[in-house]
Amino acid sequence: MSAQSINDLLFEAATLLMVGMGFVFVFLTILIAAVNLLKAFCERFPGQEPQAPTRASSKAARPAQANEDKNIVAAITAAVHAHRQANR
């Protein structure tokens, strides 16, 4: 290779490096500005706070729920036991 072609390749590599880094810098600058604008917009126009779901706690519902929980645990236990027996 001649010295001229090496110089041309190095100049092209440096140009490509600067263009690439410049593009990334500009993109990140625009991204940061957009995030800050979105933050300012959200602070200026706050949305309605979501309401926490409320649970009706009655004494009659608790035993039924406990029985359902026990049935679910029993079904999961039986499924795990059957799976282990089948894959021995």
PDB file of N, CA and C in Angstrom:
ATOM      1  N   MET A   1       0.828  -1.180   0.000  1.00  0.00           N
ATOM      2  CA  MET A   1       0.000   0.000   0.000  1.00  0.00           C
ATOM      3  C   MET A   1       0.872   1.243   0.000  1.00  0.00           C
ATOM      4  N   SER A   2       0.418   2.226  -0.689  1.00  0.00           N
ATOM      5  CA  SER A   2       1.189   3.463  -0.745  1.00  0.00           C
ATOM      6  C   SER A   2       0.798   4.370   0.420  1.00  0.00           C
ATOM      7  N   ALA A   3       1.639   5.329   0.669  1.00  0.00           N
ATOM      8  CA  ALA A   3       1.412   6.247   1.781  1.00  0.00           C
ATOM      9  C   ALA A   3       0.155   7.084   1.534  1.00  0.00           C
ATOM     10  N   GLN A   4      -0.103   7.393   0.265  1.00  0.00           N
ATOM     11  CA  GLN A   4      -1.275   8.208  -0.052  1.00  0.00           C
ATOM     12  C   GLN A   4      -2.572   7.453   0.272  1.00  0.00           C
ATOM     13  N   SER A   5      -2.626   6.166  -0.059  1.00  0.00           N
ATOM     14  CA  SER A   5      -3.850   5.420   0.202  1.00  0.00           C
ATOM     15  C   SER A   5      -4.070   5.218   1.704  1.00  0.00           C
ATOM     16  N   ILE A   6      -2.985   5.060   2.468  1.00  0.00           N
ATOM     17  CA  ILE A   6      -3.120   4.920   3.919  1.00  0.00           C
ATOM     18  C   ILE A   6      -3.640   6.228   4.513  1.00  0.00           C
ATOM     19  N   ASN A   7      -3.120   7.354   4.027  1.00  0.00           N
ATOM     20  CA  ASN A   7      -3.589   8.648   4.504  1.00  0.00           C
ATOM     21  C   ASN A   7      -5.064   8.856   4.162  1.00  0.00           C
ATOM     22  N   ASP A   8      -5.446   8.453   2.959  1.00  0.00           N
ATOM     23  CA  ASP A   8      -6.855   8.568   2.559  1.00  0.00           C
ATOM     24  C   ASP A   8      -7.743   7.701   3.448  1.00  0.00           C
ATOM     25  N   LEU A   9      -7.296   6.483   3.740  1.00  0.00           N
ATOM     26  CA  LEU A   9      -8.080   5.599   4.590  1.00  0.00           C
ATOM     27  C   LEU A   9      -8.197   6.142   6.013  1.00  0.00           C
ATOM     28  N   LEU A  10      -7.106   6.680   6.553  1.00  0.00           N
ATOM     29  CA  LEU A  10      -7.152   7.253   7.892  1.00  0.00           C
ATOM     30  C   LEU A  10      -8.055   8.479   7.943  1.00  0.00           C
ATOM     31  N   PHE A  11      -7.990   9.312   6.890  1.00  0.00           N
ATOM     32  CA  PHE A  11      -8.867  10.480   6.842  1.00  0.00           C
ATOM     33  C   PHE A  11     -10.332  10.057   6.754  1.00  0.00           C
ATOM     34  N   GLU A  12     -10.611   9.056   5.956  1.00  0.00           N
ATOM     35  CA  GLU A  12     -11.987   8.551   5.837  1.00  0.00           C
ATOM     36  C   GLU A  12     -12.460   7.951   7.163  1.00  0.00           C
ATOM     37  N   ALA A  13     -11.577   7.227   7.847  1.00  0.00           N
ATOM     38  CA  ALA A  13     -11.938   6.647   9.145  1.00  0.00           C
ATOM     39  C   ALA A  13     -12.206   7.740  10.169  1.00  0.00           C
ATOM     40  N   ALA A  14     -11.380   8.776  10.186  1.00  0.00           N
ATOM     41  CA  ALA A  14     -11.584   9.878  11.129  1.00  0.00           C
ATOM     42  C   ALA A  14     -12.880  10.618  10.819  1.00  0.00           C
ATOM     43  N   THR A  15     -13.157  10.806   9.537  1.00  0.00           N
ATOM     44  CA  THR A  15     -14.399  11.473   9.150  1.00  0.00           C
ATOM     45  C   THR A  15     -15.608  10.643   9.598  1.00  0.00           C
ATOM     46  N   LEU A  16     -15.561   9.360   9.345  1.00  0.00           N
ATOM     47  CA  LEU A  16     -16.644   8.475   9.745  1.00  0.00           C
ATOM     48  C   LEU A  16     -16.808   8.466  11.270  1.00  0.00           C
ATOM     49  N   LEU A  17     -15.706   8.477  11.990  1.00  0.00           N
ATOM     50  CA  LEU A  17     -15.739   8.524  13.448  1.00  0.00           C
ATOM     51  C   LEU A  17     -16.421   9.796  13.928  1.00  0.00           C
ATOM     52  N   MET A  18     -16.046  10.925  13.373  1.00  0.00           N
ATOM     53  CA  MET A  18     -16.629  12.202  13.802  1.00  0.00           C
ATOM     54  C   MET A  18     -18.111  12.296  13.436  1.00  0.00           C
ATOM     55  N   VAL A  19     -18.468  11.824  12.267  1.00  0.00           N
ATOM     56  CA  VAL A  19     -19.876  11.851  11.863  1.00  0.00           C
ATOM     57  C   VAL A  19     -20.694  10.946  12.783  1.00  0.00           C
ATOM     58  N   GLY A  20     -20.193   9.760  13.065  1.00  0.00           N
ATOM     59  CA  GLY A  20     -20.913   8.831  13.936  1.00  0.00           C
ATOM     60  C   GLY A  20     -21.058   9.361  15.340  1.00  0.00           C
ATOM     61  N   MET A  21     -19.975   9.867  15.905  1.00  0.00           N
ATOM     62  CA  MET A  21     -20.045  10.406  17.265  1.00  0.00           C
ATOM     63  C   MET A  21     -20.913  11.654  17.316  1.00  0.00           C
ATOM     64  N   GLY A  22     -20.858  12.463  16.273  1.00  0.00           N
ATOM     65  CA  GLY A  22     -21.715  13.649  16.206  1.00  0.00           C
ATOM     66  C   GLY A  22     -23.181  13.265  16.162  1.00  0.00           C
ATOM     67  N   PHE A  23     -23.501  12.247  15.364  1.00  0.00           N
ATOM     68  CA  PHE A  23     -24.885  11.781  15.276  1.00  0.00           C
ATOM     69  C   PHE A  23     -25.371  11.275  16.632  1.00  0.00           C
ATOM     70  N   VAL A  24     -24.569  10.499  17.314  1.00  0.00           N
ATOM     71  CA  VAL A  24     -24.955   9.970  18.629  1.00  0.00           C
ATOM     72  C   VAL A  24     -25.124  11.111  19.627  1.00  0.00           C
ATOM     73  N   PHE A  25     -24.222  12.081  19.591  1.00  0.00           N
ATOM     74  CA  PHE A  25     -24.319  13.221  20.497  1.00  0.00           C
ATOM     75  C   PHE A  25     -25.603  14.003  20.255  1.00  0.00           C
ATOM     76  N   VAL A  26     -25.907  14.276  19.004  1.00  0.00           N
ATOM     77  CA  VAL A  26     -27.131  15.016  18.675  1.00  0.00           C
ATOM     78  C   VAL A  26     -28.363  14.215  19.083  1.00  0.00           C
ATOM     79  N   PHE A  27     -28.372  12.920  18.810  1.00  0.00           N
ATOM     80  CA  PHE A  27     -29.513  12.084  19.171  1.00  0.00           C
ATOM     81  C   PHE A  27     -29.732  12.076  20.679  1.00  0.00           C
ATOM     82  N   LEU A  28     -28.677  11.901  21.453  1.00  0.00           N
ATOM     83  CA  LEU A  28     -28.814  11.882  22.912  1.00  0.00           C
ATOM     84  C   LEU A  28     -29.244  13.241  23.454  1.00  0.00           C
ATOM     85  N   THR A  29     -28.775  14.322  22.839  1.00  0.00           N
ATOM     86  CA  THR A  29     -29.187  15.661  23.249  1.00  0.00           C
ATOM     87  C   THR A  29     -30.678  15.858  23.003  1.00  0.00           C
ATOM     88  N   ILE A  30     -31.149  15.429  21.836  1.00  0.00           N
ATOM     89  CA  ILE A  30     -32.580  15.530  21.528  1.00  0.00           C
ATOM     90  C   ILE A  30     -33.388  14.648  22.471  1.00  0.00           C
ATOM     91  N   LEU A  31     -32.898  13.460  22.775  1.00  0.00           N
ATOM     92  CA  LEU A  31     -33.593  12.553  23.687  1.00  0.00           C
ATOM     93  C   LEU A  31     -33.716  13.157  25.082  1.00  0.00           C
ATOM     94  N   ILE A  32     -32.656  13.737  25.588  1.00  0.00           N
ATOM     95  CA  ILE A  32     -32.684  14.355  26.916  1.00  0.00           C
ATOM     96  C   ILE A  32     -33.646  15.537  26.922  1.00  0.00           C
ATOM     97  N   ALA A  33     -33.626  16.345  25.860  1.00  0.00           N
ATOM     98  CA  ALA A  33     -34.548  17.480  25.782  1.00  0.00           C
ATOM     99  C   ALA A  33     -35.994  16.997  25.745  1.00  0.00           C
ATOM    100  N   ALA A  34     -36.269  15.931  25.003  1.00  0.00           N
ATOM    101  CA  ALA A  34     -37.630  15.407  24.913  1.00  0.00           C
ATOM    102  C   ALA A  34     -38.095  14.872  26.266  1.00  0.00           C
ATOM    103  N   VAL A  35     -37.226  14.192  26.986  1.00  0.00           N
ATOM    104  CA  VAL A  35     -37.595  13.663  28.304  1.00  0.00           C
ATOM    105  C   VAL A  35     -37.863  14.807  29.276  1.00  0.00           C
ATOM    106  N   ASN A  36     -37.039  15.843  29.224  1.00  0.00           N
ATOM    107  CA  ASN A  36     -37.262  16.993  30.109  1.00  0.00           C
ATOM    108  C   ASN A  36     -38.551  17.722  29.751  1.00  0.00           C
ATOM    109  N   LEU A  37     -38.876  17.834  28.459  1.00  0.00           N
ATOM    110  CA  LEU A  37     -40.140  18.447  28.058  1.00  0.00           C
ATOM    111  C   LEU A  37     -41.329  17.619  28.527  1.00  0.00           C
ATOM    112  N   LEU A  38     -41.211  16.311  28.413  1.00  0.00           N
ATOM    113  CA  LEU A  38     -42.282  15.437  28.877  1.00  0.00           C
ATOM    114  C   LEU A  38     -42.463  15.550  30.390  1.00  0.00           C
ATOM    115  N   LYS A  39     -41.358  15.650  31.114  1.00  0.00           N
ATOM    116  CA  LYS A  39     -41.423  15.817  32.559  1.00  0.00           C
ATOM    117  C   LYS A  39     -42.100  17.126  32.920  1.00  0.00           C
ATOM    118  N   ALA A  40     -41.746  18.204  32.222  1.00  0.00           N
ATOM    119  CA  ALA A  40     -42.364  19.505  32.488  1.00  0.00           C
ATOM    120  C   ALA A  40     -43.851  19.473  32.159  1.00  0.00           C
ATOM    121  N   PHE A  41     -44.216  18.820  31.077  1.00  0.00           N
ATOM    122  CA  PHE A  41     -45.623  18.697  30.699  1.00  0.00           C
ATOM    123  C   PHE A  41     -46.402  17.938  31.762  1.00  0.00           C
ATOM    124  N   CYS A  42     -45.834  16.843  32.248  1.00  0.00           N
ATOM    125  CA  CYS A  42     -46.522  16.031  33.265  1.00  0.00           C
ATOM    126  C   CYS A  42     -46.637  16.772  34.584  1.00  0.00           C
ATOM    127  N   GLU A  43     -45.661  17.590  34.923  1.00  0.00           N
ATOM    128  CA  GLU A  43     -45.746  18.366  36.149  1.00  0.00           C
ATOM    129  C   GLU A  43     -46.766  19.494  36.026  1.00  0.00           C
ATOM    130  N   ARG A  44     -46.872  20.070  34.834  1.00  0.00           N
ATOM    131  CA  ARG A  44     -47.798  21.176  34.636  1.00  0.00           C
ATOM    132  C   ARG A  44     -49.244  20.696  34.540  1.00  0.00           C
ATOM    133  N   PHE A  45     -49.458  19.576  33.899  1.00  0.00           N
ATOM    134  CA  PHE A  45     -50.799  19.025  33.723  1.00  0.00           C
ATOM    135  C   PHE A  45     -50.874  17.638  34.350  1.00  0.00           C
ATOM    136  N   PRO A  46     -50.957  17.584  35.681  1.00  0.00           N
ATOM    137  CA  PRO A  46     -50.999  16.257  36.318  1.00  0.00           C
ATOM    138  C   PRO A  46     -52.323  15.564  36.007  1.00  0.00           C
ATOM    139  N   GLY A  47     -52.248  14.289  35.796  1.00  0.00           N
ATOM    140  CA  GLY A  47     -53.440  13.505  35.522  1.00  0.00           C
ATOM    141  C   GLY A  47     -54.171  13.190  36.810  1.00  0.00           C
ATOM    142  N   GLN A  48     -55.296  12.578  36.652  1.00  0.00           N
ATOM    143  CA  GLN A  48     -56.073  12.189  37.811  1.00  0.00           C
ATOM    144  C   GLN A  48     -55.404  10.992  38.471  1.00  0.00           C
ATOM    145  N   GLU A  49     -55.251  11.041  39.778  1.00  0.00           N
ATOM    146  CA  GLU A  49     -54.625   9.945  40.508  1.00  0.00           C
ATOM    147  C   GLU A  49     -55.506   8.711  40.435  1.00  0.00           C
ATOM    148  N   PRO A  50     -54.923   7.557  40.169  1.00  0.00           N
ATOM    149  CA  PRO A  50     -55.744   6.345  40.155  1.00  0.00           C
ATOM    150  C   PRO A  50     -56.224   6.015  41.563  1.00  0.00           C
ATOM    151  N   GLN A  51     -57.463   5.594  41.638  1.00  0.00           N
ATOM    152  CA  GLN A  51     -58.024   5.260  42.937  1.00  0.00           C
ATOM    153  C   GLN A  51     -57.604   3.850  43.322  1.00  0.00           C
ATOM    154  N   ALA A  52     -57.288   3.702  44.593  1.00  0.00           N
ATOM    155  CA  ALA A  52     -56.909   2.389  45.092  1.00  0.00           C
ATOM    156  C   ALA A  52     -58.158   1.511  45.132  1.00  0.00           C
ATOM    157  N   PRO A  53     -58.031   0.265  44.697  1.00  0.00           N
ATOM    158  CA  PRO A  53     -59.204  -0.609  44.742  1.00  0.00           C
ATOM    159  C   PRO A  53     -59.603  -0.875  46.195  1.00  0.00           C
ATOM    160  N   THR A  54     -60.882  -0.867  46.406  1.00  0.00           N
ATOM    161  CA  THR A  54     -61.376  -1.108  47.758  1.00  0.00           C
ATOM    162  C   THR A  54     -61.919  -2.518  47.841  1.00  0.00           C
ATOM    163  N   ARG A  55     -61.680  -3.147  48.971  1.00  0.00           N
ATOM    164  CA  ARG A  55     -62.161  -4.517  49.197  1.00  0.00           C
ATOM    165  C   ARG A  55     -63.255  -4.478  50.245  1.00  0.00           C
ATOM    166  N   ALA A  56     -64.302  -5.156  49.929  1.00  0.00           N
ATOM    167  CA  ALA A  56     -65.376  -5.288  50.908  1.00  0.00           C
ATOM    168  C   ALA A  56     -65.025  -6.460  51.813  1.00  0.00           C
ATOM    169  N   SER A  57     -64.807  -6.163  53.067  1.00  0.00           N
ATOM    170  CA  SER A  57     -64.433  -7.226  53.993  1.00  0.00           C
ATOM    171  C   SER A  57     -65.626  -7.540  54.888  1.00  0.00           C
ATOM    172  N   SER A  58     -66.245  -8.634  54.577  1.00  0.00           N
ATOM    173  CA  SER A  58     -67.343  -9.077  55.424  1.00  0.00           C
ATOM    174  C   SER A  58     -66.944 -10.404  56.060  1.00  0.00           C
ATOM    175  N   LYS A  59     -67.474 -10.651  57.237  1.00  0.00           N
ATOM    176  CA  LYS A  59     -67.106 -11.871  57.951  1.00  0.00           C
ATOM    177  C   LYS A  59     -67.642 -13.113  57.251  1.00  0.00           C
ATOM    178  N   ALA A  60     -68.709 -12.978  56.498  1.00  0.00           N
ATOM    179  CA  ALA A  60     -69.284 -14.132  55.809  1.00  0.00           C
ATOM    180  C   ALA A  60     -68.412 -14.558  54.622  1.00  0.00           C
ATOM    181  N   ALA A  61     -67.699 -13.619  54.011  1.00  0.00           N
ATOM    182  CA  ALA A  61     -66.903 -13.944  52.833  1.00  0.00           C
ATOM    183  C   ALA A  61     -65.578 -14.612  53.209  1.00  0.00           C
ATOM    184  N   ARG A  62     -65.081 -14.367  54.392  1.00  0.00           N
ATOM    185  CA  ARG A  62     -63.780 -14.902  54.779  1.00  0.00           C
ATOM    186  C   ARG A  62     -63.734 -16.426  54.851  1.00  0.00           C
ATOM    187  N   PRO A  63     -64.682 -17.110  55.471  1.00  0.00           N
ATOM    188  CA  PRO A  63     -64.588 -18.572  55.490  1.00  0.00           C
ATOM    189  C   PRO A  63     -64.685 -19.179  54.093  1.00  0.00           C
ATOM    190  N   ALA A  64     -65.505 -18.618  53.234  1.00  0.00           N
ATOM    191  CA  ALA A  64     -65.612 -19.139  51.872  1.00  0.00           C
ATOM    192  C   ALA A  64     -64.291 -18.963  51.137  1.00  0.00           C
ATOM    193  N   GLN A  65     -63.652 -17.832  51.347  1.00  0.00           N
ATOM    194  CA  GLN A  65     -62.374 -17.591  50.701  1.00  0.00           C
ATOM    195  C   GLN A  65     -61.308 -18.539  51.256  1.00  0.00           C
ATOM    196  N   ALA A  66     -61.335 -18.806  52.531  1.00  0.00           N
ATOM    197  CA  ALA A  66     -60.379 -19.730  53.128  1.00  0.00           C
ATOM    198  C   ALA A  66     -60.558 -21.126  52.554  1.00  0.00           C
ATOM    199  N   ASN A  67     -61.822 -21.560  52.361  1.00  0.00           N
ATOM    200  CA  ASN A  67     -62.072 -22.869  51.763  1.00  0.00           C
ATOM    201  C   ASN A  67     -61.580 -22.910  50.322  1.00  0.00           C
ATOM    202  N   GLU A  68     -61.794 -21.817  49.579  1.00  0.00           N
ATOM    203  CA  GLU A  68     -61.308 -21.763  48.201  1.00  0.00           C
ATOM    204  C   GLU A  68     -59.790 -21.828  48.174  1.00  0.00           C
ATOM    205  N   ASP A  69     -59.129 -21.101  49.086  1.00  0.00           N
ATOM    206  CA  ASP A  69     -57.676 -21.133  49.147  1.00  0.00           C
ATOM    207  C   ASP A  69     -57.172 -22.542  49.453  1.00  0.00           C
ATOM    208  N   LYS A  70     -57.822 -23.235  50.361  1.00  0.00           N
ATOM    209  CA  LYS A  70     -57.413 -24.599  50.691  1.00  0.00           C
ATOM    210  C   LYS A  70     -57.612 -25.521  49.502  1.00  0.00           C
ATOM    211  N   ASN A  71     -58.707 -25.331  48.772  1.00  0.00           N
ATOM    212  CA  ASN A  71     -58.950 -26.151  47.587  1.00  0.00           C
ATOM    213  C   ASN A  71     -57.909 -25.889  46.501  1.00  0.00           C
ATOM    214  N   ILE A  72     -57.513 -24.638  46.340  1.00  0.00           N
ATOM    215  CA  ILE A  72     -56.493 -24.301  45.341  1.00  0.00           C
ATOM    216  C   ILE A  72     -55.158 -24.914  45.725  1.00  0.00           C
ATOM    217  N   VAL A  73     -54.795 -24.816  46.998  1.00  0.00           N
ATOM    218  CA  VAL A  73     -53.533 -25.398  47.468  1.00  0.00           C
ATOM    219  C   VAL A  73     -53.556 -26.910  47.275  1.00  0.00           C
ATOM    220  N   ALA A  74     -54.686 -27.549  47.560  1.00  0.00           N
ATOM    221  CA  ALA A  74     -54.796 -28.993  47.384  1.00  0.00           C
ATOM    222  C   ALA A  74     -54.665 -29.372  45.915  1.00  0.00           C
ATOM    223  N   ALA A  75     -55.262 -28.597  45.024  1.00  0.00           N
ATOM    224  CA  ALA A  75     -55.176 -28.888  43.591  1.00  0.00           C
ATOM    225  C   ALA A  75     -53.747 -28.721  43.082  1.00  0.00           C
ATOM    226  N   ILE A  76     -53.064 -27.681  43.525  1.00  0.00           N
ATOM    227  CA  ILE A  76     -51.672 -27.464  43.104  1.00  0.00           C
ATOM    228  C   ILE A  76     -50.784 -28.582  43.635  1.00  0.00           C
ATOM    229  N   THR A  77     -50.996 -28.978  44.892  1.00  0.00           N
ATOM    230  CA  THR A  77     -50.209 -30.055  45.480  1.00  0.00           C
ATOM    231  C   THR A  77     -50.420 -31.361  44.717  1.00  0.00           C
ATOM    232  N   ALA A  78     -51.659 -31.655  44.367  1.00  0.00           N
ATOM    233  CA  ALA A  78     -51.949 -32.877  43.620  1.00  0.00           C
ATOM    234  C   ALA A  78     -51.313 -32.836  42.233  1.00  0.00           C
ATOM    235  N   ALA A  79     -51.332 -31.678  41.585  1.00  0.00           N
ATOM    236  CA  ALA A  79     -50.741 -31.555  40.254  1.00  0.00           C
ATOM    237  C   ALA A  79     -49.224 -31.738  40.303  1.00  0.00           C
ATOM    238  N   VAL A  80     -48.587 -31.152  41.312  1.00  0.00           N
ATOM    239  CA  VAL A  80     -47.133 -31.305  41.451  1.00  0.00           C
ATOM    240  C   VAL A  80     -46.791 -32.760  41.739  1.00  0.00           C
ATOM    241  N   HIS A  81     -47.549 -33.396  42.606  1.00  0.00           N
ATOM    242  CA  HIS A  81     -47.301 -34.803  42.934  1.00  0.00           C
ATOM    243  C   HIS A  81     -47.468 -35.683  41.695  1.00  0.00           C
ATOM    244  N   ALA A  82     -48.517 -35.443  40.915  1.00  0.00           N
ATOM    245  CA  ALA A  82     -48.741 -36.236  39.696  1.00  0.00           C
ATOM    246  C   ALA A  82     -47.621 -35.999  38.686  1.00  0.00           C
ATOM    247  N   HIS A  83     -47.169 -34.784  38.566  1.00  0.00           N
ATOM    248  CA  HIS A  83     -46.076 -34.465  37.629  1.00  0.00           C
ATOM    249  C   HIS A  83     -44.792 -35.185  38.045  1.00  0.00           C
ATOM    250  N   ARG A  84     -44.498 -35.153  39.335  1.00  0.00           N
ATOM    251  CA  ARG A  84     -43.277 -35.823  39.811  1.00  0.00           C
ATOM    252  C   ARG A  84     -43.365 -37.338  39.626  1.00  0.00           C
ATOM    253  N   GLN A  85     -44.538 -37.901  39.828  1.00  0.00           N
ATOM    254  CA  GLN A  85     -44.695 -39.339  39.653  1.00  0.00           C
ATOM    255  C   GLN A  85     -44.554 -39.723  38.183  1.00  0.00           C
ATOM    256  N   ALA A  86     -45.045 -38.900  37.298  1.00  0.00           N
ATOM    257  CA  ALA A  86     -44.996 -39.200  35.870  1.00  0.00           C
ATOM    258  C   ALA A  86     -43.590 -39.054  35.303  1.00  0.00           C
ATOM    259  N   ASN A  87     -42.752 -38.217  35.908  1.00  0.00           N
ATOM    260  CA  ASN A  87     -41.425 -37.917  35.365  1.00  0.00           C
ATOM    261  C   ASN A  87     -40.308 -38.581  36.147  1.00  0.00           C
ATOM    262  N   ARG A  88     -40.576 -39.660  36.803  1.00  0.00           N
ATOM    263  CA  ARG A  88     -39.522 -40.389  37.518  1.00  0.00           C
ATOM    264  C   ARG A  88     -38.736 -41.237  36.581  1.00  0.00           C
TER     265      ARG A  88
END
